Amino acid sequence: MMKNENQIRTIDTKDKGWFWFSLTLAIQMLFIVISYLVINI
């Protein structure tokens, strides 16, 4: 029972890590696109 609970927690933190990773990646891409547009205008 305890082992199973630990496993679930590990999966949850891993998912959160992926979420934050993709979020920061999306924000970086957004900034690159905005700066590219500002330079071109």
C-alpha atoms as a PDB file:
ATOM      1  CA  MET A   1       0.000   0.000   0.000  1.00  0.00           C
ATOM      2  CA  MET A   2       2.731   2.451   0.995  1.00  0.00           C
ATOM      3  CA  LYS A   3       4.851   1.503  -2.026  1.00  0.00           C
ATOM      4  CA  ASN A   4       1.940   2.136  -4.388  1.00  0.00           C
ATOM      5  CA  GLU A   5       1.322   5.588  -2.889  1.00  0.00           C
ATOM      6  CA  ASN A   6       4.984   6.478  -3.364  1.00  0.00           C
ATOM      7  CA  GLN A   7       4.850   5.398  -7.006  1.00  0.00           C
ATOM      8  CA  ILE A   8       1.840   7.612  -7.684  1.00  0.00           C
ATOM      9  CA  ARG A   9       3.609  10.595  -6.082  1.00  0.00           C
ATOM     10  CA  THR A  10       6.706  10.037  -8.272  1.00  0.00           C
ATOM     11  CA  ILE A  11       4.559   9.957 -11.425  1.00  0.00           C
ATOM     12  CA  ASP A  12       2.773  13.141 -10.307  1.00  0.00           C
ATOM     13  CA  THR A  13       6.019  15.080  -9.791  1.00  0.00           C
ATOM     14  CA  LYS A  14       7.343  13.794 -13.135  1.00  0.00           C
ATOM     15  CA  ASP A  15       4.191  15.054 -14.888  1.00  0.00           C
ATOM     16  CA  LYS A  16       4.530  18.438 -13.159  1.00  0.00           C
ATOM     17  CA  GLY A  17       8.144  18.620 -14.307  1.00  0.00           C
ATOM     18  CA  TRP A  18       7.129  17.965 -17.900  1.00  0.00           C
ATOM     19  CA  PHE A  19       4.336  20.548 -17.583  1.00  0.00           C
ATOM     20  CA  TRP A  20       6.717  23.269 -16.370  1.00  0.00           C
ATOM     21  CA  PHE A  21       9.304  22.264 -18.988  1.00  0.00           C
ATOM     22  CA  SER A  22       6.793  22.585 -21.839  1.00  0.00           C
ATOM     23  CA  LEU A  23       5.424  25.815 -20.358  1.00  0.00           C
ATOM     24  CA  THR A  24       8.847  27.497 -20.206  1.00  0.00           C
ATOM     25  CA  LEU A  25       9.596  26.208 -23.717  1.00  0.00           C
ATOM     26  CA  ALA A  26       6.328  27.700 -25.025  1.00  0.00           C
ATOM     27  CA  ILE A  27       7.078  31.048 -23.318  1.00  0.00           C
ATOM     28  CA  GLN A  28      10.577  31.112 -24.850  1.00  0.00           C
ATOM     29  CA  MET A  29       9.155  30.393 -28.316  1.00  0.00           C
ATOM     30  CA  LEU A  30       6.573  33.150 -27.813  1.00  0.00           C
ATOM     31  CA  PHE A  31       9.296  35.674 -26.871  1.00  0.00           C
ATOM     32  CA  ILE A  32      11.373  34.667 -29.926  1.00  0.00           C
ATOM     33  CA  VAL A  33       8.373  35.141 -32.239  1.00  0.00           C
ATOM     34  CA  ILE A  34       7.487  38.521 -30.666  1.00  0.00           C
ATOM     35  CA  SER A  35      11.067  39.826 -30.890  1.00  0.00           C
ATOM     36  CA  TYR A  36      11.269  38.588 -34.512  1.00  0.00           C
ATOM     37  CA  LEU A  37       8.079  40.465 -35.386  1.00  0.00           C
ATOM     38  CA  VAL A  38       9.263  43.635 -33.589  1.00  0.00           C
ATOM     39  CA  ILE A  39      12.535  43.572 -35.554  1.00  0.00           C
ATOM     40  CA  ASN A  40      10.714  43.094 -38.859  1.00  0.00           C
ATOM     41  CA  ILE A  41       8.117  45.837 -38.309  1.00  0.00           C
END
